[in-house]
Amino acid sequence: MSKAVYELQGYAIVLDKIVFVTRVFTAEDGEGFQFNIRFSGETRLAPKFATRHEADLQRSLVIKALNDI
């Protein structure tokens, strides 16, 4: 897989299309924790995780991947 592509929960994310990553917050209806990734063109991905630790870890890995491209 290219360095400019990142996989998250079965999605292949093209890193240079990401324009914004939110902080981790509690998902609606107690469905765990999530953060949002907004892409150019107003597309949004909202991955949800069972624990805050897992959500924080995945968010930090996305940001690290963004910094590495």
PDB file of N, CA and C in Angstrom:
ATOM      1  N   MET A   1       0.844  -1.178   0.000  1.00  0.00           N
ATOM      2  CA  MET A   1       0.000   0.000   0.000  1.00  0.00           C
ATOM      3  C   MET A   1       0.889   1.240   0.000  1.00  0.00           C
ATOM      4  N   SER A   2       0.499   2.218  -0.753  1.00  0.00           N
ATOM      5  CA  SER A   2       1.252   3.469  -0.865  1.00  0.00           C
ATOM      6  C   SER A   2       1.318   4.188   0.470  1.00  0.00           C
ATOM      7  N   LYS A   3       2.386   4.959   0.651  1.00  0.00           N
ATOM      8  CA  LYS A   3       2.538   5.737   1.871  1.00  0.00           C
ATOM      9  C   LYS A   3       1.458   6.808   1.985  1.00  0.00           C
ATOM     10  N   ALA A   4       0.852   7.192   0.867  1.00  0.00           N
ATOM     11  CA  ALA A   4      -0.180   8.217   0.852  1.00  0.00           C
ATOM     12  C   ALA A   4      -1.577   7.643   1.093  1.00  0.00           C
ATOM     13  N   VAL A   5      -1.672   6.323   1.347  1.00  0.00           N
ATOM     14  CA  VAL A   5      -2.950   5.673   1.610  1.00  0.00           C
ATOM     15  C   VAL A   5      -2.867   5.014   2.989  1.00  0.00           C
ATOM     16  N   TYR A   6      -3.918   5.187   3.777  1.00  0.00           N
ATOM     17  CA  TYR A   6      -3.968   4.647   5.132  1.00  0.00           C
ATOM     18  C   TYR A   6      -5.245   3.829   5.262  1.00  0.00           C
ATOM     19  N   GLU A   7      -5.177   2.698   5.935  1.00  0.00           N
ATOM     20  CA  GLU A   7      -6.359   1.867   6.134  1.00  0.00           C
ATOM     21  C   GLU A   7      -6.889   2.053   7.545  1.00  0.00           C
ATOM     22  N   LEU A   8      -8.204   2.284   7.650  1.00  0.00           N
ATOM     23  CA  LEU A   8      -8.852   2.452   8.943  1.00  0.00           C
ATOM     24  C   LEU A   8     -10.224   1.806   8.882  1.00  0.00           C
ATOM     25  N   GLN A   9     -10.438   0.805   9.683  1.00  0.00           N
ATOM     26  CA  GLN A   9     -11.716   0.090   9.767  1.00  0.00           C
ATOM     27  C   GLN A   9     -12.222  -0.365   8.400  1.00  0.00           C
ATOM     28  N   GLY A  10     -11.323  -0.867   7.581  1.00  0.00           N
ATOM     29  CA  GLY A  10     -11.704  -1.387   6.275  1.00  0.00           C
ATOM     30  C   GLY A  10     -11.786  -0.354   5.171  1.00  0.00           C
ATOM     31  N   TYR A  11     -11.556   0.914   5.495  1.00  0.00           N
ATOM     32  CA  TYR A  11     -11.559   1.978   4.487  1.00  0.00           C
ATOM     33  C   TYR A  11     -10.133   2.302   4.090  1.00  0.00           C
ATOM     34  N   ALA A  12      -9.899   2.502   2.818  1.00  0.00           N
ATOM     35  CA  ALA A  12      -8.615   2.991   2.326  1.00  0.00           C
ATOM     36  C   ALA A  12      -8.742   4.503   2.206  1.00  0.00           C
ATOM     37  N   ILE A  13      -7.958   5.225   2.993  1.00  0.00           N
ATOM     38  CA  ILE A  13      -8.045   6.679   3.056  1.00  0.00           C
ATOM     39  C   ILE A  13      -6.864   7.279   2.308  1.00  0.00           C
ATOM     40  N   VAL A  14      -7.148   8.132   1.339  1.00  0.00           N
ATOM     41  CA  VAL A  14      -6.094   8.842   0.611  1.00  0.00           C
ATOM     42  C   VAL A  14      -5.729  10.051   1.459  1.00  0.00           C
ATOM     43  N   LEU A  15      -4.538  10.020   2.040  1.00  0.00           N
ATOM     44  CA  LEU A  15      -4.156  11.010   3.038  1.00  0.00           C
ATOM     45  C   LEU A  15      -4.118  12.433   2.515  1.00  0.00           C
ATOM     46  N   ASP A  16      -3.732  12.629   1.264  1.00  0.00           N
ATOM     47  CA  ASP A  16      -3.641  14.004   0.775  1.00  0.00           C
ATOM     48  C   ASP A  16      -5.012  14.614   0.458  1.00  0.00           C
ATOM     49  N   LYS A  17      -6.086  13.863   0.665  1.00  0.00           N
ATOM     50  CA  LYS A  17      -7.449  14.390   0.500  1.00  0.00           C
ATOM     51  C   LYS A  17      -8.062  14.821   1.837  1.00  0.00           C
ATOM     52  N   ILE A  18      -7.383  14.525   2.963  1.00  0.00           N
ATOM     53  CA  ILE A  18      -7.884  14.899   4.283  1.00  0.00           C
ATOM     54  C   ILE A  18      -7.655  16.391   4.500  1.00  0.00           C
ATOM     55  N   VAL A  19      -8.700  17.082   4.949  1.00  0.00           N
ATOM     56  CA  VAL A  19      -8.568  18.513   5.234  1.00  0.00           C
ATOM     57  C   VAL A  19      -8.745  18.829   6.714  1.00  0.00           C
ATOM     58  N   PHE A  20      -9.325  17.886   7.505  1.00  0.00           N
ATOM     59  CA  PHE A  20      -9.587  18.175   8.911  1.00  0.00           C
ATOM     60  C   PHE A  20      -9.794  16.881   9.690  1.00  0.00           C
ATOM     61  N   VAL A  21      -9.241  16.807  10.900  1.00  0.00           N
ATOM     62  CA  VAL A  21      -9.468  15.684  11.808  1.00  0.00           C
ATOM     63  C   VAL A  21      -9.905  16.276  13.146  1.00  0.00           C
ATOM     64  N   THR A  22     -11.056  15.829  13.662  1.00  0.00           N
ATOM     65  CA  THR A  22     -11.555  16.363  14.926  1.00  0.00           C
ATOM     66  C   THR A  22     -10.898  15.670  16.115  1.00  0.00           C
ATOM     67  N   ARG A  23     -11.190  16.179  17.280  1.00  0.00           N
ATOM     68  CA  ARG A  23     -10.758  15.531  18.517  1.00  0.00           C
ATOM     69  C   ARG A  23     -11.626  14.296  18.735  1.00  0.00           C
ATOM     70  N   VAL A  24     -11.264  13.461  19.676  1.00  0.00           N
ATOM     71  CA  VAL A  24     -12.066  12.295  20.046  1.00  0.00           C
ATOM     72  C   VAL A  24     -13.190  12.769  20.968  1.00  0.00           C
ATOM     73  N   PHE A  25     -14.390  12.268  20.740  1.00  0.00           N
ATOM     74  CA  PHE A  25     -15.527  12.628  21.576  1.00  0.00           C
ATOM     75  C   PHE A  25     -16.444  11.418  21.732  1.00  0.00           C
ATOM     76  N   THR A  26     -17.383  11.523  22.671  1.00  0.00           N
ATOM     77  CA  THR A  26     -18.329  10.439  22.910  1.00  0.00           C
ATOM     78  C   THR A  26     -19.352  10.398  21.783  1.00  0.00           C
ATOM     79  N   ALA A  27     -19.539   9.233  21.215  1.00  0.00           N
ATOM     80  CA  ALA A  27     -20.498   9.066  20.120  1.00  0.00           C
ATOM     81  C   ALA A  27     -21.927   9.143  20.657  1.00  0.00           C
ATOM     82  N   GLU A  28     -22.865   9.477  19.792  1.00  0.00           N
ATOM     83  CA  GLU A  28     -24.270   9.558  20.182  1.00  0.00           C
ATOM     84  C   GLU A  28     -24.793   8.204  20.643  1.00  0.00           C
ATOM     85  N   ASP A  29     -25.764   8.246  21.521  1.00  0.00           N
ATOM     86  CA  ASP A  29     -26.455   7.049  22.021  1.00  0.00           C
ATOM     87  C   ASP A  29     -25.512   6.062  22.705  1.00  0.00           C
ATOM     88  N   GLY A  30     -24.411   6.560  23.295  1.00  0.00           N
ATOM     89  CA  GLY A  30     -23.494   5.694  24.030  1.00  0.00           C
ATOM     90  C   GLY A  30     -22.832   4.628  23.189  1.00  0.00           C
ATOM     91  N   GLU A  31     -22.608   4.907  21.909  1.00  0.00           N
ATOM     92  CA  GLU A  31     -22.013   3.923  21.005  1.00  0.00           C
ATOM     93  C   GLU A  31     -20.497   3.918  21.059  1.00  0.00           C
ATOM     94  N   GLY A  32     -19.898   4.376  22.124  1.00  0.00           N
ATOM     95  CA  GLY A  32     -18.446   4.384  22.252  1.00  0.00           C
ATOM     96  C   GLY A  32     -17.882   5.764  22.003  1.00  0.00           C
ATOM     97  N   PHE A  33     -16.744   5.812  21.324  1.00  0.00           N
ATOM     98  CA  PHE A  33     -16.036   7.066  21.071  1.00  0.00           C
ATOM     99  C   PHE A  33     -15.719   7.166  19.585  1.00  0.00           C
ATOM    100  N   GLN A  34     -15.630   8.384  19.101  1.00  0.00           N
ATOM    101  CA  GLN A  34     -15.356   8.580  17.681  1.00  0.00           C
ATOM    102  C   GLN A  34     -14.570   9.863  17.462  1.00  0.00           C
ATOM    103  N   PHE A  35     -14.037   9.978  16.266  1.00  0.00           N
ATOM    104  CA  PHE A  35     -13.498  11.229  15.756  1.00  0.00           C
ATOM    105  C   PHE A  35     -13.914  11.299  14.298  1.00  0.00           C
ATOM    106  N   ASN A  36     -13.961  12.492  13.755  1.00  0.00           N
ATOM    107  CA  ASN A  36     -14.379  12.664  12.369  1.00  0.00           C
ATOM    108  C   ASN A  36     -13.189  13.042  11.508  1.00  0.00           C
ATOM    109  N   ILE A  37     -13.202  12.536  10.294  1.00  0.00           N
ATOM    110  CA  ILE A  37     -12.206  12.899   9.289  1.00  0.00           C
ATOM    111  C   ILE A  37     -12.979  13.538   8.139  1.00  0.00           C
ATOM    112  N   ARG A  38     -12.640  14.768   7.816  1.00  0.00           N
ATOM    113  CA  ARG A  38     -13.302  15.458   6.702  1.00  0.00           C
ATOM    114  C   ARG A  38     -12.327  15.507   5.525  1.00  0.00           C
ATOM    115  N   PHE A  39     -12.852  15.196   4.361  1.00  0.00           N
ATOM    116  CA  PHE A  39     -12.069  15.172   3.135  1.00  0.00           C
ATOM    117  C   PHE A  39     -12.451  16.359   2.257  1.00  0.00           C
ATOM    118  N   SER A  40     -11.608  16.685   1.294  1.00  0.00           N
ATOM    119  CA  SER A  40     -11.976  17.711   0.323  1.00  0.00           C
ATOM    120  C   SER A  40     -13.230  17.223  -0.394  1.00  0.00           C
ATOM    121  N   GLY A  41     -14.121  18.130  -0.701  1.00  0.00           N
ATOM    122  CA  GLY A  41     -15.385  17.749  -1.314  1.00  0.00           C
ATOM    123  C   GLY A  41     -16.473  17.461  -0.300  1.00  0.00           C
ATOM    124  N   GLU A  42     -16.242  17.805   0.970  1.00  0.00           N
ATOM    125  CA  GLU A  42     -17.234  17.674   2.043  1.00  0.00           C
ATOM    126  C   GLU A  42     -17.600  16.245   2.425  1.00  0.00           C
ATOM    127  N   THR A  43     -16.845  15.266   2.013  1.00  0.00           N
ATOM    128  CA  THR A  43     -17.067  13.887   2.446  1.00  0.00           C
ATOM    129  C   THR A  43     -16.531  13.750   3.862  1.00  0.00           C
ATOM    130  N   ARG A  44     -17.236  12.952   4.703  1.00  0.00           N
ATOM    131  CA  ARG A  44     -16.833  12.784   6.085  1.00  0.00           C
ATOM    132  C   ARG A  44     -16.850  11.312   6.456  1.00  0.00           C
ATOM    133  N   LEU A  45     -15.868  10.898   7.243  1.00  0.00           N
ATOM    134  CA  LEU A  45     -15.795   9.551   7.786  1.00  0.00           C
ATOM    135  C   LEU A  45     -15.805   9.689   9.301  1.00  0.00           C
ATOM    136  N   ALA A  46     -16.642   8.902   9.982  1.00  0.00           N
ATOM    137  CA  ALA A  46     -16.772   8.994  11.433  1.00  0.00           C
ATOM    138  C   ALA A  46     -16.536   7.618  12.056  1.00  0.00           C
ATOM    139  N   PRO A  47     -15.262   7.199  12.171  1.00  0.00           N
ATOM    140  CA  PRO A  47     -14.995   5.892  12.768  1.00  0.00           C
ATOM    141  C   PRO A  47     -15.328   5.874  14.253  1.00  0.00           C
ATOM    142  N   LYS A  48     -15.959   4.790  14.708  1.00  0.00           N
ATOM    143  CA  LYS A  48     -16.347   4.637  16.117  1.00  0.00           C
ATOM    144  C   LYS A  48     -15.582   3.478  16.729  1.00  0.00           C
ATOM    145  N   PHE A  49     -15.246   3.642  18.015  1.00  0.00           N
ATOM    146  CA  PHE A  49     -14.454   2.653  18.734  1.00  0.00           C
ATOM    147  C   PHE A  49     -15.086   2.389  20.094  1.00  0.00           C
ATOM    148  N   ALA A  50     -14.888   1.196  20.609  1.00  0.00           N
ATOM    149  CA  ALA A  50     -15.489   0.811  21.881  1.00  0.00           C
ATOM    150  C   ALA A  50     -14.897   1.582  23.065  1.00  0.00           C
ATOM    151  N   THR A  51     -13.593   1.876  23.017  1.00  0.00           N
ATOM    152  CA  THR A  51     -12.948   2.565  24.138  1.00  0.00           C
ATOM    153  C   THR A  51     -12.307   3.868  23.678  1.00  0.00           C
ATOM    154  N   ARG A  52     -12.197   4.802  24.611  1.00  0.00           N
ATOM    155  CA  ARG A  52     -11.550   6.082  24.300  1.00  0.00           C
ATOM    156  C   ARG A  52     -10.081   5.861  23.951  1.00  0.00           C
ATOM    157  N   HIS A  53      -9.427   4.933  24.647  1.00  0.00           N
ATOM    158  CA  HIS A  53      -8.018   4.643  24.380  1.00  0.00           C
ATOM    159  C   HIS A  53      -7.820   4.224  22.927  1.00  0.00           C
ATOM    160  N   GLU A  54      -8.669   3.343  22.436  1.00  0.00           N
ATOM    161  CA  GLU A  54      -8.551   2.872  21.050  1.00  0.00           C
ATOM    162  C   GLU A  54      -8.788   4.021  20.064  1.00  0.00           C
ATOM    163  N   ALA A  55      -9.781   4.860  20.339  1.00  0.00           N
ATOM    164  CA  ALA A  55     -10.066   6.004  19.469  1.00  0.00           C
ATOM    165  C   ALA A  55      -8.894   6.981  19.464  1.00  0.00           C
ATOM    166  N   ASP A  56      -8.328   7.283  20.647  1.00  0.00           N
ATOM    167  CA  ASP A  56      -7.169   8.179  20.730  1.00  0.00           C
ATOM    168  C   ASP A  56      -5.977   7.613  19.966  1.00  0.00           C
ATOM    169  N   LEU A  57      -5.757   6.304  20.100  1.00  0.00           N
ATOM    170  CA  LEU A  57      -4.646   5.657  19.411  1.00  0.00           C
ATOM    171  C   LEU A  57      -4.825   5.739  17.896  1.00  0.00           C
ATOM    172  N   GLN A  58      -5.995   5.396  17.394  1.00  0.00           N
ATOM    173  CA  GLN A  58      -6.228   5.429  15.952  1.00  0.00           C
ATOM    174  C   GLN A  58      -6.134   6.847  15.398  1.00  0.00           C
ATOM    175  N   ARG A  59      -6.646   7.828  16.143  1.00  0.00           N
ATOM    176  CA  ARG A  59      -6.550   9.217  15.707  1.00  0.00           C
ATOM    177  C   ARG A  59      -5.095   9.653  15.638  1.00  0.00           C
ATOM    178  N   SER A  60      -4.311   9.289  16.653  1.00  0.00           N
ATOM    179  CA  SER A  60      -2.894   9.680  16.645  1.00  0.00           C
ATOM    180  C   SER A  60      -2.139   8.996  15.507  1.00  0.00           C
ATOM    181  N   LEU A  61      -2.513   7.777  15.150  1.00  0.00           N
ATOM    182  CA  LEU A  61      -1.868   7.090  14.028  1.00  0.00           C
ATOM    183  C   LEU A  61      -2.222   7.745  12.697  1.00  0.00           C
ATOM    184  N   VAL A  62      -3.462   8.210  12.559  1.00  0.00           N
ATOM    185  CA  VAL A  62      -3.852   8.936  11.339  1.00  0.00           C
ATOM    186  C   VAL A  62      -3.035  10.214  11.227  1.00  0.00           C
ATOM    187  N   ILE A  63      -2.918  10.932  12.326  1.00  0.00           N
ATOM    188  CA  ILE A  63      -2.159  12.205  12.302  1.00  0.00           C
ATOM    189  C   ILE A  63      -0.690  11.951  12.037  1.00  0.00           C
ATOM    190  N   LYS A  64      -0.141  10.876  12.599  1.00  0.00           N
ATOM    191  CA  LYS A  64       1.264  10.526  12.325  1.00  0.00           C
ATOM    192  C   LYS A  64       1.446  10.213  10.847  1.00  0.00           C
ATOM    193  N   ALA A  65       0.508   9.461  10.265  1.00  0.00           N
ATOM    194  CA  ALA A  65       0.581   9.138   8.834  1.00  0.00           C
ATOM    195  C   ALA A  65       0.516  10.410   7.984  1.00  0.00           C
ATOM    196  N   LEU A  66      -0.328  11.368   8.401  1.00  0.00           N
ATOM    197  CA  LEU A  66      -0.414  12.638   7.686  1.00  0.00           C
ATOM    198  C   LEU A  66       0.908  13.394   7.729  1.00  0.00           C
ATOM    199  N   ASN A  67       1.561  13.373   8.878  1.00  0.00           N
ATOM    200  CA  ASN A  67       2.844  14.072   9.026  1.00  0.00           C
ATOM    201  C   ASN A  67       3.967  13.399   8.249  1.00  0.00           C
ATOM    202  N   ASP A  68       3.817  12.100   7.978  1.00  0.00           N
ATOM    203  CA  ASP A  68       4.870  11.343   7.295  1.00  0.00           C
ATOM    204  C   ASP A  68       4.803  11.431   5.767  1.00  0.00           C
ATOM    205  N   ILE A  69       3.707  11.982   5.216  1.00  0.00           N
ATOM    206  CA  ILE A  69       3.626  12.046   3.745  1.00  0.00           C
ATOM    207  C   ILE A  69       4.314  13.278   3.209  1.00  0.00           C
TER     208      ILE A  69
END
